[in-house]
Amino acid sequence: MKSFFGSDLLLNNESAKKIYSEVKDLPIIDYHCHLDQYKIKDDAKFQNIGELWLAGDHYKWRAMRLSGVGEELITGSASWREKFRAYASVLPKLAGNPLYYWTHMELQQVFGIFEPLSEESADRIFDAANEKLQNISVSTLLRQYKVEFVATTDDPCDDLVAHGKYGGTLVAPTFRPDKLFTLDEAYLRRLGETAGEDVSTLNGLLKAVEKRLLYFISRGCRISDHGFCRFAQYYVTHSIAEKLYSERKSLSEEQKEALFGYLLVELARLYKKHHIIMQLHFAVTRNINGPMFTKCGADAGFDVIADRSPIQNVIQFFQQLSDEERPETILYTLNDSELPALACLTGAFRHVKMGAAWWFNDTKEGIRKNLSTIAEYSALGTSYGMLTDSRSFSSYARFDFFRRILSDYLGSLVEKGEYDLSAAYETAKNISYYNIKEALQL
């Protein structure tokens, strides 16, 4: 029997261990996350491990709700010690859940604590971790994990004053214009005022968006992001889009979808023009529990996997763009039943890649499924690898989790005589670090 979370965790053969030794110490490029850039700028510290782990982690909140913990101990006013005890009490129930892995990897890597977390050990671990936290700040964690690049998630209207180089870490904004697609009048006015453009017409709106994108680029932006449920079914000409935009207060759902499709295509062209990578996150339904959304707000654990986006709609989007107009594009689906179709699609359109196993899929088996599907239907060696998609500064243990699974996947092919070990070394290093470094021109 292997030791609890020992050095060979998730590495099930000798080739996997050799491959892992080549990637485990590589720096980290976190090209999609929700970290707070102001905490990086201010080199924030944490009151205790409860705040570090539980202040905004909807993965943990969901697990606690699933185990019957009351909301007072999740998002309520209970003390951090009480919340930590509640989380510790449910952790033994999470066999196979990524939280069980991440929790114990963070305890070992950040705090040097090798004891399993449970209700019995909760107070002991809480106190020991807090003792260590006295000498840990945001910059400590970024240095420990060798984080070279962090791409935060930012609205086009944000001022970006906190982005920059801090120690060895470049903190850059990500252009995330999701609010633009709501056609909310107050937001459109704010966008126009921020850009200094009249957005009452579609042309004015597009000018405002490009001006803000150029400002983002001046602050280090190299990547954009979009989150939506599914791709549009309808696409329209510029003249029709102008008319739809002028009538935006009274559009039908079908007309809104057509305008969304038009705007997404125009943004793609802008990204290509200015050498910005485009990320597309889809197949998600958000805030499905109305009363709890009212109580807790967004990103609190009430988003779920949606139906897969009809592949014909995805094809239609890419058909709007020639190879010369299409930016480097990364696809992330929350519904992994569509992985084969999407991975296959990446071979039909240049500059399109499948992204990492996203959100509910960044589990041990979800990551393996993502890797094997890309390998079988696309080209695994071109993958951009892992990202945290996290709000927690201790979540960089997830890169180690991914690198171990990647090494084990490649190692299993080597062990069966199906892949060359030297090629596996190079593939693992490229996926873990070099591919995304080159794409971002770091």
Protein backbone atom coordinates (compact mmCIF):
# COMPACT_ATOMS: atom_id res chain seq x y z
CA MET A 1 0.00 0.00 0.00
CA LYS A 2 1.29 3.46 -0.94
CA SER A 3 1.82 6.07 1.75
CA PHE A 4 -0.87 8.72 2.17
CA PHE A 5 -0.31 11.41 -0.48
CA GLY A 6 3.29 10.31 -0.93
CA SER A 7 5.78 11.51 -3.54
CA ASP A 8 4.43 9.04 -6.12
CA LEU A 9 0.82 10.28 -5.83
CA LEU A 10 -1.07 9.56 -9.09
CA LEU A 11 2.11 8.16 -10.69
CA ASN A 12 1.43 4.50 -11.31
CA ASN A 13 4.48 3.33 -13.24
CA GLU A 14 8.18 4.03 -13.58
CA SER A 15 7.84 5.91 -16.87
CA ALA A 16 5.28 8.25 -15.27
CA LYS A 17 7.73 9.00 -12.47
CA LYS A 18 10.50 9.78 -14.96
CA ILE A 19 8.25 12.07 -17.01
CA TYR A 20 7.01 13.84 -13.90
CA SER A 21 10.59 14.53 -12.81
CA GLU A 22 11.00 16.52 -16.05
CA VAL A 23 7.98 18.80 -15.45
CA LYS A 24 7.40 19.08 -11.71
CA ASP A 25 9.67 22.09 -11.22
CA LEU A 26 8.74 24.02 -14.36
CA PRO A 27 7.39 27.56 -13.78
CA ILE A 28 3.66 28.25 -13.96
CA ILE A 29 1.80 30.32 -16.52
CA ASP A 30 -1.75 30.81 -15.22
CA TYR A 31 -3.50 32.13 -18.32
CA HIS A 32 -7.05 32.01 -16.91
CA CYS A 33 -7.96 32.73 -13.30
CA HIS A 34 -10.09 34.92 -11.07
CA LEU A 35 -7.41 36.06 -8.63
CA ASP A 36 -7.60 39.55 -7.15
CA GLN A 37 -4.84 41.67 -8.69
CA TYR A 38 -5.08 44.17 -5.83
CA LYS A 39 -4.08 41.46 -3.37
CA ILE A 40 -1.04 40.74 -5.53
CA LYS A 41 -0.18 44.45 -5.72
CA ASP A 42 -0.58 44.87 -1.94
CA ASP A 43 1.13 41.53 -1.15
CA ALA A 44 -1.85 40.64 1.01
CA LYS A 45 -1.67 38.32 4.00
CA PHE A 46 -4.42 36.11 5.39
CA GLN A 47 -5.98 36.09 8.85
CA ASN A 48 -6.05 32.32 8.89
CA ILE A 49 -6.42 29.24 6.70
CA GLY A 50 -10.19 29.56 6.93
CA GLU A 51 -10.08 32.88 5.09
CA LEU A 52 -7.50 31.60 2.59
CA TRP A 53 -9.54 28.51 1.73
CA LEU A 54 -13.18 29.37 2.31
CA ALA A 55 -13.68 33.08 1.58
CA GLY A 56 -14.65 32.57 -2.08
CA ASP A 57 -14.24 28.91 -3.01
CA HIS A 58 -17.54 27.70 -4.44
CA TYR A 59 -16.06 24.20 -4.96
CA LYS A 60 -15.78 23.85 -1.16
CA TRP A 61 -19.14 25.55 -0.59
CA ARG A 62 -20.91 23.06 -2.87
CA ALA A 63 -19.27 20.12 -1.11
CA MET A 64 -20.38 21.45 2.26
CA ARG A 65 -23.97 21.93 1.07
CA LEU A 66 -23.96 18.44 -0.45
CA SER A 67 -23.00 17.10 2.97
CA GLY A 68 -25.77 18.95 4.81
CA VAL A 69 -23.75 21.81 6.34
CA GLY A 70 -25.92 24.83 7.14
CA GLU A 71 -25.41 28.03 5.18
CA GLU A 72 -24.37 29.89 8.33
CA LEU A 73 -21.19 27.78 8.28
CA ILE A 74 -20.63 28.32 4.56
CA THR A 75 -21.38 31.90 3.53
CA GLY A 76 -22.87 33.06 6.81
CA SER A 77 -21.39 34.94 9.77
CA ALA A 78 -19.86 31.98 11.63
CA SER A 79 -16.20 32.36 12.59
CA TRP A 80 -13.44 31.11 10.30
CA ARG A 81 -12.58 28.38 12.82
CA GLU A 82 -16.17 27.15 12.81
CA LYS A 83 -16.29 27.19 9.01
CA PHE A 84 -12.97 25.35 8.81
CA ARG A 85 -14.25 22.70 11.23
CA ALA A 86 -17.35 22.27 9.08
CA TYR A 87 -15.26 21.82 5.93
CA ALA A 88 -12.94 19.41 7.72
CA SER A 89 -15.92 17.34 8.86
CA VAL A 90 -17.11 16.73 5.30
CA LEU A 91 -13.71 16.11 3.69
CA PRO A 92 -13.57 12.36 4.55
CA LYS A 93 -16.81 11.98 2.55
CA LEU A 94 -15.09 13.25 -0.62
CA ALA A 95 -13.30 10.11 -1.80
CA GLY A 96 -12.18 10.66 -5.41
CA ASN A 97 -13.32 14.29 -5.41
CA PRO A 98 -10.67 16.77 -6.58
CA LEU A 99 -11.14 18.71 -3.35
CA TYR A 100 -9.72 15.78 -1.40
CA TYR A 101 -6.60 15.88 -3.56
CA TRP A 102 -6.21 19.66 -3.66
CA THR A 103 -6.79 20.06 0.08
CA HIS A 104 -4.12 17.60 1.10
CA MET A 105 -1.68 18.74 -1.58
CA GLU A 106 -2.03 22.33 -0.34
CA LEU A 107 -1.62 21.25 3.27
CA GLN A 108 1.62 19.50 2.39
CA GLN A 109 3.05 22.00 -0.07
CA VAL A 110 2.07 25.28 1.59
CA PHE A 111 2.00 24.33 5.27
CA GLY A 112 4.18 21.23 5.58
CA ILE A 113 1.27 19.36 7.18
CA PHE A 114 1.05 15.68 6.21
CA GLU A 115 -1.85 14.66 8.44
CA PRO A 116 -5.25 13.86 6.87
CA LEU A 117 -7.82 16.59 7.50
CA SER A 118 -10.93 15.48 9.36
CA GLU A 119 -13.26 16.65 12.10
CA GLU A 120 -10.86 15.16 14.66
CA SER A 121 -7.76 16.91 13.28
CA ALA A 122 -9.46 20.19 12.32
CA ASP A 123 -8.46 22.36 15.29
CA ARG A 124 -4.94 20.96 15.38
CA ILE A 125 -4.40 21.64 11.67
CA PHE A 126 -6.12 25.05 11.85
CA ASP A 127 -3.69 26.20 14.55
CA ALA A 128 -0.60 24.70 12.89
CA ALA A 129 -1.48 26.24 9.51
CA ASN A 130 -2.14 29.63 11.06
CA GLU A 131 1.27 29.55 12.70
CA LYS A 132 2.82 29.03 9.25
CA LEU A 133 0.60 31.73 7.71
CA GLN A 134 2.26 34.39 9.84
CA ASN A 135 5.19 34.16 7.41
CA ILE A 136 3.16 33.65 4.23
CA SER A 137 1.77 36.33 1.93
CA VAL A 138 0.58 36.38 -1.67
CA SER A 139 4.11 36.97 -2.95
CA THR A 140 5.38 34.04 -0.87
CA LEU A 141 2.95 31.71 -2.63
CA LEU A 142 3.71 33.10 -6.08
CA ARG A 143 7.44 32.61 -5.50
CA GLN A 144 7.02 29.13 -4.08
CA TYR A 145 5.06 27.95 -7.10
CA LYS A 146 7.28 29.84 -9.58
CA VAL A 147 4.31 31.69 -11.06
CA GLU A 148 5.62 33.68 -14.02
CA PHE A 149 2.37 34.97 -15.48
CA VAL A 150 -1.13 35.55 -14.12
CA ALA A 151 -4.03 36.58 -16.37
CA THR A 152 -6.84 37.94 -14.22
CA THR A 153 -10.42 38.32 -15.50
CA ASP A 154 -11.41 41.93 -16.22
CA ASP A 155 -14.31 43.93 -17.63
CA PRO A 156 -13.61 46.35 -20.53
CA CYS A 157 -14.50 49.26 -18.24
CA ASP A 158 -11.95 48.34 -15.53
CA ASP A 159 -9.08 50.76 -14.93
CA LEU A 160 -6.38 48.04 -14.61
CA VAL A 161 -4.28 50.17 -12.26
CA ALA A 162 -3.13 47.16 -10.22
CA HIS A 163 -1.70 45.17 -13.12
CA GLY A 164 2.05 45.03 -13.63
CA LYS A 165 5.22 43.15 -12.66
CA TYR A 166 5.49 42.07 -9.03
CA GLY A 167 8.70 40.25 -8.20
CA GLY A 168 9.01 37.48 -10.76
CA THR A 169 5.31 37.50 -11.66
CA LEU A 170 3.76 39.45 -14.52
CA VAL A 171 0.10 40.20 -13.74
CA ALA A 172 -1.86 41.02 -16.90
CA PRO A 173 -5.56 41.63 -17.58
CA THR A 174 -7.86 39.42 -19.63
CA PHE A 175 -10.41 41.18 -21.85
CA ARG A 176 -13.78 39.71 -20.75
CA PRO A 177 -16.69 41.62 -22.40
CA ASP A 178 -19.55 39.37 -21.25
CA LYS A 179 -21.60 42.32 -19.95
CA LEU A 180 -21.55 43.83 -23.43
CA PHE A 181 -23.81 41.04 -24.66
CA THR A 182 -26.50 41.77 -22.07
CA LEU A 183 -27.25 45.02 -23.96
CA ASP A 184 -27.90 46.63 -20.58
CA GLU A 185 -28.29 50.36 -21.21
CA ALA A 186 -26.52 51.44 -18.03
CA TYR A 187 -23.55 49.24 -18.89
CA LEU A 188 -23.42 50.48 -22.49
CA ARG A 189 -23.41 54.10 -21.26
CA ARG A 190 -20.57 53.28 -18.87
CA LEU A 191 -18.59 51.64 -21.65
CA GLY A 192 -19.10 54.66 -23.89
CA GLU A 193 -18.04 57.07 -21.16
CA THR A 194 -14.96 54.98 -20.33
CA ALA A 195 -13.90 54.83 -23.99
CA GLY A 196 -14.95 58.37 -24.84
CA GLU A 197 -17.22 57.18 -27.63
CA ASP A 198 -20.89 57.58 -28.51
CA VAL A 199 -22.27 54.03 -28.31
CA SER A 200 -25.77 54.86 -29.52
CA THR A 201 -24.86 53.27 -32.87
CA LEU A 202 -23.30 49.89 -33.60
CA ASN A 203 -20.26 51.51 -35.23
CA GLY A 204 -19.76 53.65 -32.14
CA LEU A 205 -20.00 50.57 -29.93
CA LEU A 206 -17.38 48.73 -31.98
CA LYS A 207 -15.07 51.75 -31.80
CA ALA A 208 -15.48 51.86 -28.02
CA VAL A 209 -14.71 48.15 -27.71
CA GLU A 210 -11.55 48.46 -29.82
CA LYS A 211 -10.34 51.48 -27.85
CA ARG A 212 -10.75 49.57 -24.60
CA LEU A 213 -9.03 46.52 -26.07
CA LEU A 214 -6.08 48.70 -27.07
CA TYR A 215 -5.95 50.08 -23.54
CA PHE A 216 -5.91 46.52 -22.18
CA ILE A 217 -3.06 45.67 -24.55
CA SER A 218 -1.13 48.71 -23.29
CA ARG A 219 -1.47 47.18 -19.80
CA GLY A 220 -0.10 43.80 -20.87
CA CYS A 221 -3.23 41.99 -22.07
CA ARG A 222 -2.52 39.02 -24.34
CA ILE A 223 -5.72 37.02 -24.04
CA SER A 224 -9.50 37.50 -24.07
CA ASP A 225 -12.32 35.40 -22.68
CA HIS A 226 -16.04 34.86 -23.23
CA GLY A 227 -18.50 32.85 -21.18
CA PHE A 228 -21.93 31.85 -22.48
CA CYS A 229 -24.38 28.97 -22.57
CA ARG A 230 -24.23 28.04 -26.26
CA PHE A 231 -23.16 29.36 -29.64
CA ALA A 232 -25.58 31.41 -31.71
CA GLN A 233 -27.71 29.72 -34.32
CA TYR A 234 -28.20 32.86 -36.41
CA TYR A 235 -25.73 35.26 -38.05
CA VAL A 236 -26.56 38.50 -39.81
CA THR A 237 -24.93 41.12 -42.02
CA HIS A 238 -23.57 44.39 -40.68
CA SER A 239 -26.58 46.37 -41.96
CA ILE A 240 -29.04 44.04 -40.23
CA ALA A 241 -26.92 44.09 -37.05
CA GLU A 242 -27.03 47.90 -37.12
CA LYS A 243 -30.82 47.79 -37.26
CA LEU A 244 -31.00 45.22 -34.46
CA TYR A 245 -28.71 47.29 -32.27
CA SER A 246 -30.80 50.42 -32.85
CA GLU A 247 -33.86 48.44 -31.70
CA ARG A 248 -32.04 46.64 -28.86
CA LYS A 249 -34.61 47.54 -26.20
CA SER A 250 -37.33 45.49 -27.89
CA LEU A 251 -35.59 42.53 -29.50
CA SER A 252 -36.93 38.98 -29.49
CA GLU A 253 -34.73 36.21 -28.12
CA GLU A 254 -33.94 35.13 -31.68
CA GLN A 255 -32.89 38.67 -32.61
CA LYS A 256 -30.73 38.97 -29.48
CA GLU A 257 -29.04 35.72 -30.43
CA ALA A 258 -28.33 37.00 -33.93
CA LEU A 259 -26.81 40.21 -32.54
CA PHE A 260 -24.74 38.17 -30.08
CA GLY A 261 -23.40 36.08 -32.95
CA TYR A 262 -22.51 39.16 -34.96
CA LEU A 263 -20.70 40.82 -32.06
CA LEU A 264 -18.75 37.66 -31.20
CA VAL A 265 -17.52 37.38 -34.78
CA GLU A 266 -16.52 41.07 -34.86
CA LEU A 267 -14.62 40.66 -31.60
CA ALA A 268 -12.83 37.63 -33.03
CA ARG A 269 -11.68 39.77 -35.95
CA LEU A 270 -10.45 42.43 -33.54
CA TYR A 271 -8.49 39.83 -31.57
CA LYS A 272 -6.81 38.59 -34.73
CA LYS A 273 -5.97 42.16 -35.77
CA HIS A 274 -4.32 42.86 -32.41
CA HIS A 275 -2.75 39.41 -31.80
CA ILE A 276 -4.98 38.47 -28.85
CA ILE A 277 -5.86 34.87 -28.01
CA MET A 278 -9.61 34.18 -27.75
CA GLN A 279 -11.01 31.85 -25.07
CA LEU A 280 -14.58 30.55 -25.34
CA HIS A 281 -16.21 28.96 -22.28
CA PHE A 282 -19.65 27.45 -22.90
CA ALA A 283 -22.27 24.79 -22.00
CA VAL A 284 -22.98 26.32 -18.59
CA THR A 285 -26.26 27.41 -17.01
CA ARG A 286 -25.75 29.91 -14.22
CA ASN A 287 -27.56 30.79 -10.98
CA ILE A 288 -30.27 28.14 -11.25
CA ASN A 289 -31.32 28.41 -7.58
CA GLY A 290 -33.12 31.75 -7.48
CA PRO A 291 -33.50 32.21 -3.71
CA MET A 292 -29.89 31.22 -3.02
CA PHE A 293 -28.63 33.44 -5.84
CA THR A 294 -30.53 36.34 -4.23
CA LYS A 295 -28.97 35.48 -0.88
CA CYS A 296 -25.39 34.65 -1.91
CA GLY A 297 -24.89 36.30 -5.29
CA ALA A 298 -23.05 35.01 -8.36
CA ASP A 299 -20.23 32.46 -8.31
CA ALA A 300 -21.48 30.91 -5.10
CA GLY A 301 -22.01 27.34 -6.26
CA PHE A 302 -25.32 27.50 -8.13
CA ASP A 303 -24.07 27.08 -11.71
CA VAL A 304 -24.44 23.73 -13.48
CA ILE A 305 -23.54 21.82 -16.64
CA ALA A 306 -25.84 22.73 -19.53
CA ASP A 307 -26.86 20.79 -22.62
CA ARG A 308 -24.06 20.58 -25.12
CA SER A 309 -23.90 23.31 -27.73
CA PRO A 310 -25.12 21.86 -31.06
CA ILE A 311 -21.96 21.17 -33.05
CA GLN A 312 -23.55 22.73 -36.13
CA ASN A 313 -23.76 26.04 -34.24
CA VAL A 314 -20.07 25.84 -33.32
CA ILE A 315 -19.25 25.10 -36.96
CA GLN A 316 -21.36 28.08 -38.09
CA PHE A 317 -19.39 30.40 -35.83
CA PHE A 318 -16.05 29.33 -37.24
CA GLN A 319 -17.41 29.47 -40.78
CA GLN A 320 -17.94 33.22 -40.36
CA LEU A 321 -14.15 33.69 -40.16
CA SER A 322 -11.50 32.92 -42.77
CA ASP A 323 -8.22 31.41 -41.64
CA GLU A 324 -6.70 34.89 -41.99
CA GLU A 325 -9.39 36.45 -39.74
CA ARG A 326 -9.51 33.76 -37.06
CA PRO A 327 -7.54 34.42 -33.86
CA GLU A 328 -5.85 31.67 -31.90
CA THR A 329 -8.93 30.23 -30.17
CA ILE A 330 -9.27 27.92 -27.16
CA LEU A 331 -12.51 26.00 -26.58
CA TYR A 332 -13.70 24.96 -23.12
CA THR A 333 -16.93 23.04 -22.71
CA LEU A 334 -18.53 22.26 -19.36
CA ASN A 335 -20.40 19.36 -20.97
CA ASP A 336 -17.66 16.87 -21.76
CA SER A 337 -20.00 14.62 -23.75
CA GLU A 338 -19.20 16.93 -26.70
CA LEU A 339 -15.42 16.61 -26.36
CA PRO A 340 -14.97 14.21 -29.32
CA ALA A 341 -16.96 16.39 -31.72
CA LEU A 342 -15.17 19.57 -30.63
CA ALA A 343 -11.72 17.98 -30.72
CA CYS A 344 -12.49 16.72 -34.20
CA LEU A 345 -13.59 20.23 -35.23
CA THR A 346 -10.18 21.64 -34.28
CA GLY A 347 -8.74 19.77 -37.26
CA ALA A 348 -11.10 21.50 -39.69
CA PHE A 349 -10.34 25.12 -38.77
CA ARG A 350 -6.86 26.55 -38.31
CA HIS A 351 -5.93 28.28 -35.04
CA VAL A 352 -8.50 26.37 -32.91
CA LYS A 353 -7.56 24.20 -29.92
CA MET A 354 -9.36 22.35 -27.14
CA GLY A 355 -8.73 23.80 -23.70
CA ALA A 356 -8.12 22.12 -20.36
CA ALA A 357 -10.78 20.14 -18.52
CA TRP A 358 -12.88 22.98 -17.19
CA TRP A 359 -14.54 23.51 -13.80
CA PHE A 360 -16.62 20.44 -12.91
CA ASN A 361 -14.37 18.41 -15.20
CA ASP A 362 -11.00 19.21 -13.58
CA THR A 363 -11.15 15.94 -11.68
CA LYS A 364 -8.69 13.05 -11.90
CA GLU A 365 -10.86 11.19 -14.41
CA GLY A 366 -12.08 14.37 -16.12
CA ILE A 367 -8.53 15.47 -16.87
CA ARG A 368 -7.62 11.99 -18.14
CA LYS A 369 -10.70 12.01 -20.38
CA ASN A 370 -9.77 15.45 -21.70
CA LEU A 371 -6.20 14.35 -22.44
CA SER A 372 -7.15 11.07 -24.08
CA THR A 373 -9.89 12.65 -26.22
CA ILE A 374 -7.58 15.40 -27.47
CA ALA A 375 -4.92 12.76 -28.11
CA GLU A 376 -7.28 10.56 -30.14
CA TYR A 377 -9.16 13.23 -32.12
CA SER A 378 -6.70 16.14 -32.23
CA ALA A 379 -2.99 16.63 -31.42
CA LEU A 380 -2.20 16.37 -27.72
CA GLY A 381 1.29 17.82 -28.07
CA THR A 382 -0.14 21.19 -29.12
CA SER A 383 -2.25 21.59 -25.96
CA TYR A 384 -1.86 24.67 -23.75
CA GLY A 385 -2.20 22.62 -20.58
CA MET A 386 -3.43 23.65 -17.17
CA LEU A 387 -4.81 26.84 -15.60
CA THR A 388 -6.27 27.42 -12.16
CA ASP A 389 -9.61 29.13 -12.97
CA SER A 390 -9.44 29.91 -9.26
CA ARG A 391 -9.93 32.68 -6.72
CA SER A 392 -7.52 31.13 -4.21
CA PHE A 393 -3.80 31.88 -4.07
CA SER A 394 -3.03 28.42 -2.68
CA SER A 395 -4.70 26.74 -5.66
CA TYR A 396 -1.42 26.48 -7.58
CA ALA A 397 -1.22 22.94 -6.23
CA ARG A 398 -3.66 22.21 -9.08
CA PHE A 399 -0.78 22.52 -11.55
CA ASP A 400 1.02 19.73 -9.73
CA PHE A 401 -2.20 17.68 -9.78
CA PHE A 402 -2.43 18.16 -13.55
CA ARG A 403 1.25 17.46 -14.21
CA ARG A 404 1.04 14.21 -12.28
CA ILE A 405 -2.02 13.06 -14.24
CA LEU A 406 -0.43 14.11 -17.54
CA SER A 407 2.76 12.23 -16.66
CA ASP A 408 0.80 9.15 -15.68
CA TYR A 409 -1.22 9.24 -18.92
CA LEU A 410 1.88 9.53 -21.09
CA GLY A 411 3.78 7.08 -18.91
CA SER A 412 1.09 4.44 -19.35
CA LEU A 413 1.51 4.71 -23.13
CA VAL A 414 5.29 4.35 -22.77
CA GLU A 415 4.93 1.33 -20.47
CA LYS A 416 2.74 -0.42 -23.04
CA GLY A 417 5.29 0.22 -25.77
CA GLU A 418 2.91 2.62 -27.52
CA TYR A 419 4.92 5.84 -27.18
CA ASP A 420 8.58 6.82 -27.11
CA LEU A 421 9.89 7.96 -23.74
CA SER A 422 11.99 10.82 -25.15
CA ALA A 423 8.93 12.09 -27.06
CA ALA A 424 6.91 11.84 -23.83
CA TYR A 425 9.45 14.06 -22.06
CA GLU A 426 9.13 16.75 -24.71
CA THR A 427 5.34 16.50 -24.95
CA ALA A 428 4.93 16.78 -21.17
CA LYS A 429 7.22 19.82 -20.99
CA ASN A 430 5.50 21.55 -23.90
CA ILE A 431 2.01 20.98 -22.50
CA SER A 432 3.03 21.96 -18.98
CA TYR A 433 4.82 25.18 -19.91
CA TYR A 434 6.38 25.88 -23.30
CA ASN A 435 3.33 25.84 -25.60
CA ILE A 436 1.41 28.54 -23.74
CA LYS A 437 4.59 30.55 -23.12
CA GLU A 438 5.18 30.71 -26.87
CA ALA A 439 1.53 31.47 -27.67
CA LEU A 440 1.47 34.40 -25.21
CA GLN A 441 4.86 35.59 -26.50
CA LEU A 442 6.26 35.72 -23.00
